[in-house]
Amino acid sequence: MNAASVNSTVGTALALQQNNQNQDVQTNLLRKSLDSQASQMGQLMSSLESQPTLATTGSVGTNINTYA
């Protein structure tokens, strides 16, 4: 092997290492963003009122939930 080949190989390895580090940072940022969104959705869903139950007597709402 000549020096140019070794230098090229080392340069490529360093570039790949830097690229892997960048991907790790981006993956961690995405994970934190998704966790934050999941937390916000959980809070939003818990703040919603529960859907009313079906009517049990009368002629309206006993077969179909007419709440819309």
C-alpha atoms as a PDB file:
ATOM      1  CA  MET A   1       0.000   0.000   0.000  1.00  0.00           C
ATOM      2  CA  ASN A   2       1.171   3.463  -0.681  1.00  0.00           C
ATOM      3  CA  ALA A   3       0.787   6.544   1.510  1.00  0.00           C
ATOM      4  CA  ALA A   4      -1.973   8.046  -0.649  1.00  0.00           C
ATOM      5  CA  SER A   5      -4.086   4.933  -0.266  1.00  0.00           C
ATOM      6  CA  VAL A   6      -3.601   4.894   3.506  1.00  0.00           C
ATOM      7  CA  ASN A   7      -4.406   8.608   3.760  1.00  0.00           C
ATOM      8  CA  SER A   8      -7.515   8.113   1.651  1.00  0.00           C
ATOM      9  CA  THR A   9      -8.665   5.201   3.807  1.00  0.00           C
ATOM     10  CA  VAL A  10      -8.079   7.146   7.033  1.00  0.00           C
ATOM     11  CA  GLY A  11      -9.883  10.172   5.600  1.00  0.00           C
ATOM     12  CA  THR A  12     -12.847   8.046   4.606  1.00  0.00           C
ATOM     13  CA  ALA A  13     -12.973   6.413   8.037  1.00  0.00           C
ATOM     14  CA  LEU A  14     -12.919   9.800   9.771  1.00  0.00           C
ATOM     15  CA  ALA A  15     -15.664  11.122   7.492  1.00  0.00           C
ATOM     16  CA  LEU A  16     -17.828   8.071   8.241  1.00  0.00           C
ATOM     17  CA  GLN A  17     -17.223   8.484  11.953  1.00  0.00           C
ATOM     18  CA  GLN A  18     -18.305  12.138  11.785  1.00  0.00           C
ATOM     19  CA  ASN A  19     -21.363  11.175   9.756  1.00  0.00           C
ATOM     20  CA  ASN A  20     -22.327   8.530  12.329  1.00  0.00           C
ATOM     21  CA  GLN A  21     -22.009  11.084  15.137  1.00  0.00           C
ATOM     22  CA  ASN A  22     -24.226  13.518  13.237  1.00  0.00           C
ATOM     23  CA  GLN A  23     -26.832  10.815  12.703  1.00  0.00           C
ATOM     24  CA  ASP A  24     -26.765   9.958  16.415  1.00  0.00           C
ATOM     25  CA  VAL A  25     -27.395  13.598  17.316  1.00  0.00           C
ATOM     26  CA  GLN A  26     -30.239  13.852  14.811  1.00  0.00           C
ATOM     27  CA  THR A  27     -31.774  10.601  16.051  1.00  0.00           C
ATOM     28  CA  ASN A  28     -31.674  11.804  19.655  1.00  0.00           C
ATOM     29  CA  LEU A  29     -33.280  15.099  18.664  1.00  0.00           C
ATOM     30  CA  LEU A  30     -36.029  13.269  16.782  1.00  0.00           C
ATOM     31  CA  ARG A  31     -36.621  10.942  19.730  1.00  0.00           C
ATOM     32  CA  LYS A  32     -36.942  13.898  22.134  1.00  0.00           C
ATOM     33  CA  SER A  33     -39.306  15.648  19.741  1.00  0.00           C
ATOM     34  CA  LEU A  34     -41.513  12.558  19.406  1.00  0.00           C
ATOM     35  CA  ASP A  35     -41.534  12.038  23.184  1.00  0.00           C
ATOM     36  CA  SER A  36     -42.593  15.661  23.650  1.00  0.00           C
ATOM     37  CA  GLN A  37     -45.381  15.298  21.093  1.00  0.00           C
ATOM     38  CA  ALA A  38     -46.566  12.075  22.724  1.00  0.00           C
ATOM     39  CA  SER A  39     -46.663  13.790  26.101  1.00  0.00           C
ATOM     40  CA  GLN A  40     -48.638  16.711  24.692  1.00  0.00           C
ATOM     41  CA  MET A  41     -51.106  14.371  22.997  1.00  0.00           C
ATOM     42  CA  GLY A  42     -51.553  12.462  26.245  1.00  0.00           C
ATOM     43  CA  GLN A  43     -52.353  15.694  28.053  1.00  0.00           C
ATOM     44  CA  LEU A  44     -54.746  16.751  25.288  1.00  0.00           C
ATOM     45  CA  MET A  45     -56.547  13.410  25.255  1.00  0.00           C
ATOM     46  CA  SER A  46     -56.894  13.371  29.037  1.00  0.00           C
ATOM     47  CA  SER A  47     -58.378  16.869  28.994  1.00  0.00           C
ATOM     48  CA  LEU A  48     -61.173  15.897  26.597  1.00  0.00           C
ATOM     49  CA  GLU A  49     -64.556  15.068  28.026  1.00  0.00           C
ATOM     50  CA  SER A  50     -65.560  11.458  27.879  1.00  0.00           C
ATOM     51  CA  GLN A  51     -68.233  10.684  25.344  1.00  0.00           C
ATOM     52  CA  PRO A  52     -71.720  10.476  26.829  1.00  0.00           C
ATOM     53  CA  THR A  53     -73.308   7.074  27.223  1.00  0.00           C
ATOM     54  CA  LEU A  54     -76.208   5.892  25.129  1.00  0.00           C
ATOM     55  CA  ALA A  55     -79.709   6.629  26.300  1.00  0.00           C
ATOM     56  CA  THR A  56     -81.370   3.670  27.976  1.00  0.00           C
ATOM     57  CA  THR A  57     -84.984   4.883  27.938  1.00  0.00           C
ATOM     58  CA  GLY A  58     -87.184   6.805  25.539  1.00  0.00           C
ATOM     59  CA  SER A  59     -87.567   6.767  21.781  1.00  0.00           C
ATOM     60  CA  VAL A  60     -84.544   8.890  20.893  1.00  0.00           C
ATOM     61  CA  GLY A  61     -80.974   7.749  21.267  1.00  0.00           C
ATOM     62  CA  THR A  62     -81.596   4.218  22.461  1.00  0.00           C
ATOM     63  CA  ASN A  63     -80.372   2.534  19.297  1.00  0.00           C
ATOM     64  CA  ILE A  64     -77.956   5.062  17.873  1.00  0.00           C
ATOM     65  CA  ASN A  65     -75.671   7.460  19.668  1.00  0.00           C
ATOM     66  CA  THR A  66     -76.967  10.735  18.223  1.00  0.00           C
ATOM     67  CA  TYR A  67     -74.303  12.854  19.922  1.00  0.00           C
ATOM     68  CA  ALA A  68     -72.220  14.418  17.179  1.00  0.00           C
END
